[in-house]
Amino acid sequence: MPRFTPSSGSRQGSAGRKAADAALSAALLIAVWKLGASAVGIEMILPAPERVAASFAELLRSERFRAALAATAGRGLAAFGLSMALGSALGLAMGVSRRFESLAWAPLTVIRATPVLAVILLALVWFPSGAVPVFSAVVMAAPIVAAELAAAARALDPKLVEMATIFGLSKRQVALELRLPAALPSLSSAAKNALGLSWKVVVAGEVLSQPARALGTGMQNARVMLETAEVFAWAAAGVLLCALSDALFNAVGRRLSWPTA
């Protein structure tokens, strides 16, 4: 009996439907936004979409905006890299050693329960303005990576560990040759979560710490001047930066066969 395999045409049709649905969703959102702006009638409270688009186009021509975008992108990538390095090390150590997991449980629980705003305010006391967003994002994202990798490392079949011990493998060998490979499939999911959270916390940290060049600084300055359309435009730049990095992550994941869903 012949096996059914999806044709390239069906895959393209599915991709086309997804693109059409996304376009329809965006159109509905803009329509609701436009109706809301018309109903409010006060640009300072809710500017119309075309007014925000004009502000965004004006920002794109500004050297100040390009410098802010580059600085925020650098902070976001730095925070993501540090979060992955620290979270991976902690997660694997927790997955290998129950004692280490018990020792790390209390501080990680406290950190995960702490509001982002409280972390940023404390960082303002401890660090210069440019480092505040990076520190805050690492504090919030690293525990998420650690928890996912620890759970994946602990999920290794105990019988497999017992058999490896019988055959003379040391704890270090079990960790490197069994637990680490078992945890790697979860690395993609942990990285995606850390990436999205890093951008959000970095921009929030910039709003409060006010570095010289930052999307958050531009957003806050526009708010002070009551330029609500420009606030939306700066915020849209942050959203697009996050969406672009997410799309690139998914593209690389598909290329390398990572589980990015």
Protein backbone atom coordinates (compact mmCIF):
# COMPACT_ATOMS: atom_id res chain seq x y z
CA MET A 1 0.00 0.00 0.00
CA PRO A 2 1.59 3.35 -0.99
CA ARG A 3 2.71 5.63 1.79
CA PHE A 4 1.50 9.18 1.87
CA THR A 5 4.19 11.85 2.06
CA PRO A 6 3.45 15.56 2.10
CA SER A 7 4.33 17.13 -1.23
CA SER A 8 6.27 20.36 -1.58
CA GLY A 9 3.07 21.92 -2.92
CA SER A 10 1.14 21.06 0.24
CA ARG A 11 3.95 22.44 2.41
CA GLN A 12 3.98 25.65 0.37
CA GLY A 13 0.20 25.83 0.65
CA SER A 14 0.42 25.49 4.43
CA ALA A 15 3.08 28.21 4.59
CA GLY A 16 0.91 30.41 2.38
CA ARG A 17 -2.10 29.94 4.65
CA LYS A 18 -0.03 30.82 7.70
CA ALA A 19 1.24 33.98 6.00
CA ALA A 20 -2.31 34.92 4.99
CA ASP A 21 -3.59 34.33 8.52
CA ALA A 22 -0.76 36.43 9.95
CA ALA A 23 -1.54 39.25 7.53
CA LEU A 24 -5.24 39.08 8.38
CA SER A 25 -4.47 39.15 12.11
CA ALA A 26 -2.21 42.19 11.66
CA ALA A 27 -4.87 43.95 9.58
CA LEU A 28 -7.52 43.33 12.25
CA LEU A 29 -5.19 44.64 14.97
CA ILE A 30 -4.48 47.82 12.99
CA ALA A 31 -8.20 48.29 12.29
CA VAL A 32 -9.08 47.99 15.98
CA TRP A 33 -6.22 50.36 16.83
CA LYS A 34 -7.47 52.88 14.24
CA LEU A 35 -11.03 52.70 15.57
CA GLY A 36 -9.77 53.13 19.13
CA ALA A 37 -7.68 56.16 18.19
CA SER A 38 -10.65 57.70 16.36
CA ALA A 39 -12.91 57.08 19.36
CA VAL A 40 -10.44 58.62 21.82
CA GLY A 41 -9.70 61.55 19.53
CA ILE A 42 -6.64 62.68 21.51
CA GLU A 43 -3.28 61.88 19.92
CA MET A 44 -1.41 62.31 23.20
CA ILE A 45 -3.40 59.39 24.65
CA LEU A 46 -3.66 57.06 21.64
CA PRO A 47 -2.15 58.13 18.31
CA ALA A 48 -3.41 56.64 15.06
CA PRO A 49 -1.39 53.90 13.32
CA GLU A 50 -0.40 56.18 10.44
CA ARG A 51 0.93 58.77 12.88
CA VAL A 52 3.08 56.13 14.59
CA ALA A 53 4.27 54.88 11.20
CA ALA A 54 5.31 58.42 10.27
CA SER A 55 7.20 58.79 13.57
CA PHE A 56 8.92 55.46 13.00
CA ALA A 57 9.96 56.46 9.48
CA GLU A 58 11.37 59.69 10.87
CA LEU A 59 13.31 57.80 13.52
CA LEU A 60 14.82 55.51 10.87
CA ARG A 61 16.47 58.54 9.27
CA SER A 62 18.00 59.59 12.59
CA GLU A 63 21.58 58.75 13.49
CA ARG A 64 20.51 58.87 17.14
CA PHE A 65 18.03 56.06 16.54
CA ARG A 66 20.52 53.86 14.70
CA ALA A 67 23.06 54.27 17.51
CA ALA A 68 20.39 53.44 20.10
CA LEU A 69 19.27 50.37 18.14
CA ALA A 70 22.84 49.08 17.85
CA ALA A 71 23.49 49.63 21.57
CA THR A 72 20.30 47.85 22.62
CA ALA A 73 21.03 44.97 20.24
CA GLY A 74 24.49 44.61 21.77
CA ARG A 75 23.10 44.57 25.30
CA GLY A 76 20.42 42.05 24.38
CA LEU A 77 22.88 39.67 22.74
CA ALA A 78 25.33 40.03 25.64
CA ALA A 79 22.58 39.29 28.15
CA PHE A 80 21.43 36.27 26.12
CA GLY A 81 24.95 34.86 25.84
CA LEU A 82 25.69 35.29 29.54
CA SER A 83 22.30 33.83 30.49
CA MET A 84 22.92 30.74 28.38
CA ALA A 85 26.45 30.22 29.72
CA LEU A 86 25.52 30.70 33.38
CA GLY A 87 22.17 28.91 33.15
CA SER A 88 23.65 25.93 31.29
CA ALA A 89 26.43 25.49 33.84
CA LEU A 90 24.00 25.71 36.77
CA GLY A 91 21.41 23.49 35.12
CA LEU A 92 23.81 20.70 34.28
CA ALA A 93 25.36 20.85 37.75
CA MET A 94 21.89 20.64 39.31
CA GLY A 95 20.95 17.74 37.06
CA VAL A 96 24.08 15.81 37.97
CA SER A 97 24.25 16.50 41.71
CA ARG A 98 21.20 16.33 43.97
CA ARG A 99 23.19 18.06 46.71
CA PHE A 100 24.07 20.98 44.47
CA GLU A 101 20.43 21.16 43.39
CA SER A 102 19.35 21.41 47.04
CA LEU A 103 21.88 24.18 47.67
CA ALA A 104 20.83 26.12 44.57
CA TRP A 105 17.09 25.68 45.07
CA ALA A 106 16.56 28.52 47.58
CA PRO A 107 18.48 31.31 45.78
CA LEU A 108 17.03 30.38 42.38
CA THR A 109 13.51 30.29 43.80
CA VAL A 110 13.98 33.72 45.36
CA ILE A 111 15.35 35.13 42.10
CA ARG A 112 12.51 33.72 40.01
CA ALA A 113 9.93 35.12 42.44
CA THR A 114 11.52 38.59 42.51
CA PRO A 115 9.77 41.19 40.30
CA VAL A 116 11.81 42.45 37.36
CA LEU A 117 11.39 46.03 38.54
CA ALA A 118 12.96 45.21 41.92
CA VAL A 119 15.98 43.63 40.21
CA ILE A 120 16.43 46.69 37.99
CA LEU A 121 16.17 49.12 40.91
CA LEU A 122 18.80 47.19 42.86
CA ALA A 123 21.04 47.07 39.79
CA LEU A 124 20.78 50.86 39.54
CA VAL A 125 22.48 51.06 42.94
CA TRP A 126 25.22 48.56 42.10
CA PHE A 127 26.16 49.19 38.45
CA PRO A 128 26.63 51.97 35.89
CA SER A 129 23.64 52.68 33.68
CA GLY A 130 24.90 50.72 30.68
CA ALA A 131 25.37 47.52 32.69
CA VAL A 132 22.02 47.63 34.49
CA PRO A 133 19.93 46.17 31.61
CA VAL A 134 22.42 43.35 30.97
CA PHE A 135 22.69 42.38 34.64
CA SER A 136 18.92 42.46 35.12
CA ALA A 137 18.27 40.32 32.04
CA VAL A 138 20.86 37.72 33.08
CA VAL A 139 19.38 37.49 36.59
CA MET A 140 15.92 36.88 35.17
CA ALA A 141 16.79 34.59 32.23
CA ALA A 142 19.57 32.37 33.62
CA PRO A 143 17.32 30.58 36.19
CA ILE A 144 14.89 29.64 33.40
CA VAL A 145 17.70 28.04 31.39
CA ALA A 146 19.01 26.30 34.53
CA ALA A 147 15.60 24.86 35.43
CA GLU A 148 14.97 23.44 31.94
CA LEU A 149 18.39 21.85 31.60
CA ALA A 150 18.31 20.45 35.14
CA ALA A 151 14.96 18.80 34.50
CA ALA A 152 16.23 17.32 31.22
CA ALA A 153 19.42 15.99 32.82
CA ARG A 154 17.48 14.40 35.69
CA ALA A 155 15.05 12.75 33.26
CA LEU A 156 17.73 10.27 32.21
CA ASP A 157 16.60 6.69 32.81
CA PRO A 158 17.96 5.60 36.24
CA LYS A 159 18.48 2.07 34.89
CA LEU A 160 20.82 3.46 32.27
CA VAL A 161 22.82 5.26 34.97
CA GLU A 162 22.89 2.08 37.06
CA MET A 163 24.12 0.04 34.12
CA ALA A 164 26.84 2.60 33.35
CA THR A 165 27.97 2.45 36.99
CA ILE A 166 28.11 -1.34 36.85
CA PHE A 167 30.33 -1.12 33.78
CA GLY A 168 32.73 1.10 35.72
CA LEU A 169 31.90 4.60 34.48
CA SER A 170 32.71 7.33 36.97
CA LYS A 171 30.22 10.02 37.99
CA ARG A 172 32.08 12.45 35.77
CA GLN A 173 31.81 10.11 32.79
CA VAL A 174 28.11 9.55 33.44
CA ALA A 175 27.60 13.31 33.56
CA LEU A 176 29.53 14.04 30.36
CA GLU A 177 28.58 11.00 28.31
CA LEU A 178 24.98 10.38 29.41
CA ARG A 179 23.38 13.30 31.23
CA LEU A 180 24.84 16.05 29.03
CA PRO A 181 23.63 14.50 25.73
CA ALA A 182 20.23 13.86 27.33
CA ALA A 183 19.93 17.53 28.29
CA LEU A 184 21.02 18.99 24.95
CA PRO A 185 17.63 18.62 23.18
CA SER A 186 16.16 20.98 25.79
CA LEU A 187 18.83 23.58 25.08
CA SER A 188 16.93 24.95 22.08
CA SER A 189 13.73 25.51 24.07
CA ALA A 190 15.67 27.09 26.94
CA ALA A 191 17.55 29.36 24.53
CA LYS A 192 14.35 30.56 22.85
CA ASN A 193 12.74 31.43 26.18
CA ALA A 194 15.89 33.19 27.39
CA LEU A 195 16.18 35.17 24.15
CA GLY A 196 12.66 36.57 24.32
CA LEU A 197 12.93 37.41 28.01
CA SER A 198 16.34 39.04 27.55
CA TRP A 199 15.00 41.60 25.06
CA LYS A 200 12.08 42.54 27.29
CA VAL A 201 14.16 42.98 30.43
CA VAL A 202 16.94 44.84 28.60
CA VAL A 203 14.52 47.45 27.22
CA ALA A 204 12.79 47.77 30.61
CA GLY A 205 16.18 48.24 32.26
CA GLU A 206 17.09 50.92 29.73
CA VAL A 207 13.88 52.84 30.45
CA LEU A 208 14.88 53.14 34.11
CA SER A 209 18.68 53.36 33.88
CA GLN A 210 18.76 55.78 30.91
CA PRO A 211 22.04 54.89 29.16
CA ALA A 212 23.26 57.46 26.64
CA ARG A 213 22.29 55.28 23.67
CA ALA A 214 19.34 52.90 24.09
CA LEU A 215 15.84 52.23 22.78
CA GLY A 216 14.52 52.46 26.33
CA THR A 217 16.12 55.89 26.76
CA GLY A 218 14.49 57.13 23.57
CA MET A 219 11.15 55.76 24.73
CA GLN A 220 11.44 57.48 28.11
CA ASN A 221 12.55 60.81 26.61
CA ALA A 222 9.59 60.76 24.22
CA ARG A 223 7.24 60.05 27.14
CA VAL A 224 8.60 63.01 29.08
CA MET A 225 8.00 65.26 26.06
CA LEU A 226 4.45 63.81 25.73
CA GLU A 227 5.26 62.54 22.23
CA THR A 228 3.10 59.44 22.48
CA ALA A 229 3.44 58.55 18.80
CA GLU A 230 7.21 58.55 19.20
CA VAL A 231 6.90 56.36 22.31
CA PHE A 232 4.99 53.86 20.17
CA ALA A 233 7.64 54.13 17.46
CA TRP A 234 10.52 53.41 19.87
CA ALA A 235 8.53 50.52 21.34
CA ALA A 236 7.86 49.17 17.84
CA ALA A 237 11.61 49.16 17.20
CA GLY A 238 12.09 46.97 20.28
CA VAL A 239 9.31 44.61 19.17
CA LEU A 240 10.80 44.31 15.68
CA LEU A 241 14.24 43.63 17.14
CA CYS A 242 12.81 40.81 19.25
CA ALA A 243 10.78 39.42 16.33
CA LEU A 244 13.80 39.49 14.02
CA SER A 245 16.01 37.64 16.48
CA ASP A 246 13.24 35.08 17.04
CA ALA A 247 12.84 34.54 13.29
CA LEU A 248 16.60 34.12 12.86
CA PHE A 249 16.68 31.66 15.75
CA ASN A 250 13.91 29.58 14.17
CA ALA A 251 15.59 29.68 10.76
CA VAL A 252 18.88 28.46 12.20
CA GLY A 253 17.00 25.85 14.21
CA ARG A 254 15.29 24.48 11.10
CA ARG A 255 18.60 24.47 9.28
CA LEU A 256 20.26 22.46 12.05
CA SER A 257 17.14 20.37 12.83
CA TRP A 258 16.68 21.84 16.31
CA PRO A 259 13.28 21.42 18.03
CA THR A 260 12.35 25.12 17.88
CA ALA A 261 8.60 24.73 18.44
